[in-house]
Amino acid sequence: MRVRKHDHGLNLPPHLLGHRPLDRDKLSMVPRDAAARAAHLALFQLQDIMVPEEQVLGVGVLFAAMCLRCGLEPSALFGMGRKVLLAPEDGDRPTDDSLQSLRDFLGARVMAKEVTIG
């Protein structure tokens, strides 16, 4: 299998290589599961290699860079993220579990608080 330029050997599909610009109108249509998956992937990369302060500020820098580079208003993007995180929709049970695990991760790994189940 041939490695594509800028693919780093991962054989990623073209839409994951930055070949399609951001469509701001589609942000509000991203499925909650996809948004939760993206958040989990970002956190997974941070959890074992950085201290909590570095994790939190790093995510803040990433958020700022996304807003600046994509021409997004930070408060609007934060509002969309908050809505996904806190406003479950009908039939979204699997996502609710995934989003709860994000909250649990932040509580346990970043704030060093015990996570209770049930």
Protein backbone atom coordinates (compact mmCIF):
# COMPACT_ATOMS: atom_id res chain seq x y z
CA MET A 1 0.00 0.00 0.00
CA ARG A 2 1.43 3.37 -1.02
CA VAL A 3 1.91 6.10 1.60
CA ARG A 4 0.43 9.42 0.57
CA LYS A 5 2.25 12.68 1.16
CA HIS A 6 1.46 14.18 4.60
CA ASP A 7 -0.27 10.92 5.57
CA HIS A 8 2.51 9.83 7.94
CA GLY A 9 1.85 6.22 6.97
CA LEU A 10 -1.65 6.19 8.46
CA ASN A 11 -3.48 5.87 5.12
CA LEU A 12 -6.05 8.41 6.17
CA PRO A 13 -8.98 9.27 3.91
CA PRO A 14 -8.67 12.61 2.05
CA HIS A 15 -11.21 14.38 4.28
CA LEU A 16 -8.95 13.70 7.27
CA LEU A 17 -5.93 15.22 5.53
CA GLY A 18 -7.34 18.72 5.48
CA HIS A 19 -8.48 18.64 1.87
CA ARG A 20 -11.93 19.95 2.74
CA PRO A 21 -12.28 23.30 4.46
CA LEU A 22 -14.42 23.74 7.53
CA ASP A 23 -18.08 24.36 6.76
CA ARG A 24 -19.20 26.46 9.73
CA ASP A 25 -22.85 25.87 8.84
CA LYS A 26 -22.39 22.14 9.47
CA LEU A 27 -21.02 22.53 13.00
CA SER A 28 -24.47 22.39 14.54
CA MET A 29 -25.23 19.21 12.58
CA VAL A 30 -22.29 17.14 13.84
CA PRO A 31 -23.66 14.06 15.62
CA ARG A 32 -23.13 14.05 19.37
CA ASP A 33 -21.37 10.67 19.13
CA ALA A 34 -18.82 12.10 16.67
CA ALA A 35 -18.16 15.13 18.89
CA ALA A 36 -17.74 12.86 21.94
CA ARG A 37 -15.37 10.59 19.98
CA ALA A 38 -13.22 13.57 18.96
CA ALA A 39 -13.04 14.80 22.56
CA HIS A 40 -12.08 11.32 23.77
CA LEU A 41 -9.33 11.07 21.16
CA ALA A 42 -7.86 14.41 22.20
CA LEU A 43 -7.93 13.51 25.89
CA PHE A 44 -6.52 10.05 25.28
CA GLN A 45 -3.36 11.61 23.90
CA LEU A 46 -2.90 13.80 26.99
CA GLN A 47 -3.87 11.63 29.92
CA ASP A 48 -0.68 9.71 30.62
CA ILE A 49 2.03 12.12 29.50
CA MET A 50 1.18 15.48 31.00
CA VAL A 51 0.34 16.94 34.38
CA PRO A 52 -3.19 18.39 34.83
CA GLU A 53 -2.11 22.01 34.41
CA GLU A 54 -0.44 21.22 31.08
CA GLN A 55 -3.49 19.26 29.93
CA VAL A 56 -5.92 22.07 30.76
CA LEU A 57 -3.84 24.88 29.28
CA GLY A 58 -3.03 22.76 26.23
CA VAL A 59 -6.73 22.23 25.56
CA GLY A 60 -7.24 25.98 26.03
CA VAL A 61 -4.52 26.73 23.49
CA LEU A 62 -6.05 24.24 21.06
CA PHE A 63 -9.47 25.84 21.53
CA ALA A 64 -8.03 29.33 20.97
CA ALA A 65 -6.11 28.17 17.90
CA MET A 66 -9.23 26.53 16.44
CA CYS A 67 -11.28 29.68 16.99
CA LEU A 68 -8.63 32.01 15.55
CA ARG A 69 -7.68 29.85 12.57
CA CYS A 70 -11.27 28.95 11.66
CA GLY A 71 -12.73 32.40 12.29
CA LEU A 72 -15.06 31.15 15.01
CA GLU A 73 -16.37 33.20 17.89
CA PRO A 74 -15.09 31.48 21.07
CA SER A 75 -18.32 32.03 22.99
CA ALA A 76 -20.37 30.53 20.14
CA LEU A 77 -18.14 27.46 19.89
CA PHE A 78 -18.13 27.05 23.66
CA GLY A 79 -21.94 27.29 23.61
CA MET A 80 -22.18 24.55 20.98
CA GLY A 81 -19.82 22.33 22.97
CA ARG A 82 -21.71 22.99 26.19
CA LYS A 83 -24.99 22.13 24.51
CA VAL A 84 -23.59 18.81 23.26
CA LEU A 85 -22.19 18.04 26.69
CA LEU A 86 -25.18 19.02 28.81
CA ALA A 87 -28.32 18.83 26.66
CA PRO A 88 -29.13 15.19 25.87
CA GLU A 89 -31.51 14.58 23.00
CA ASP A 90 -34.12 11.87 22.67
CA GLY A 91 -32.59 8.50 21.88
CA ASP A 92 -29.04 9.60 22.70
CA ARG A 93 -28.37 7.11 25.47
CA PRO A 94 -25.05 5.76 24.07
CA THR A 95 -23.71 9.29 23.66
CA ASP A 96 -24.82 10.22 27.14
CA ASP A 97 -22.61 7.42 28.49
CA SER A 98 -19.71 8.60 26.35
CA LEU A 99 -20.13 12.19 27.46
CA GLN A 100 -20.47 11.11 31.08
CA SER A 101 -17.17 9.28 30.76
CA LEU A 102 -15.59 12.58 29.62
CA ARG A 103 -16.89 14.29 32.74
CA ASP A 104 -15.67 11.34 34.86
CA PHE A 105 -12.22 11.49 33.23
CA LEU A 106 -11.90 15.19 33.96
CA GLY A 107 -13.00 14.65 37.52
CA ALA A 108 -10.73 11.68 38.16
CA ARG A 109 -7.61 12.52 36.16
CA VAL A 110 -7.55 16.30 36.09
CA MET A 111 -9.24 17.25 39.37
CA ALA A 112 -8.16 14.07 41.27
CA LYS A 113 -11.67 13.45 42.57
CA GLU A 114 -13.20 10.04 43.17
CA VAL A 115 -15.69 8.97 40.54
CA THR A 116 -18.82 7.33 41.89
CA ILE A 117 -20.90 4.94 39.79
CA GLY A 118 -24.65 4.88 40.10
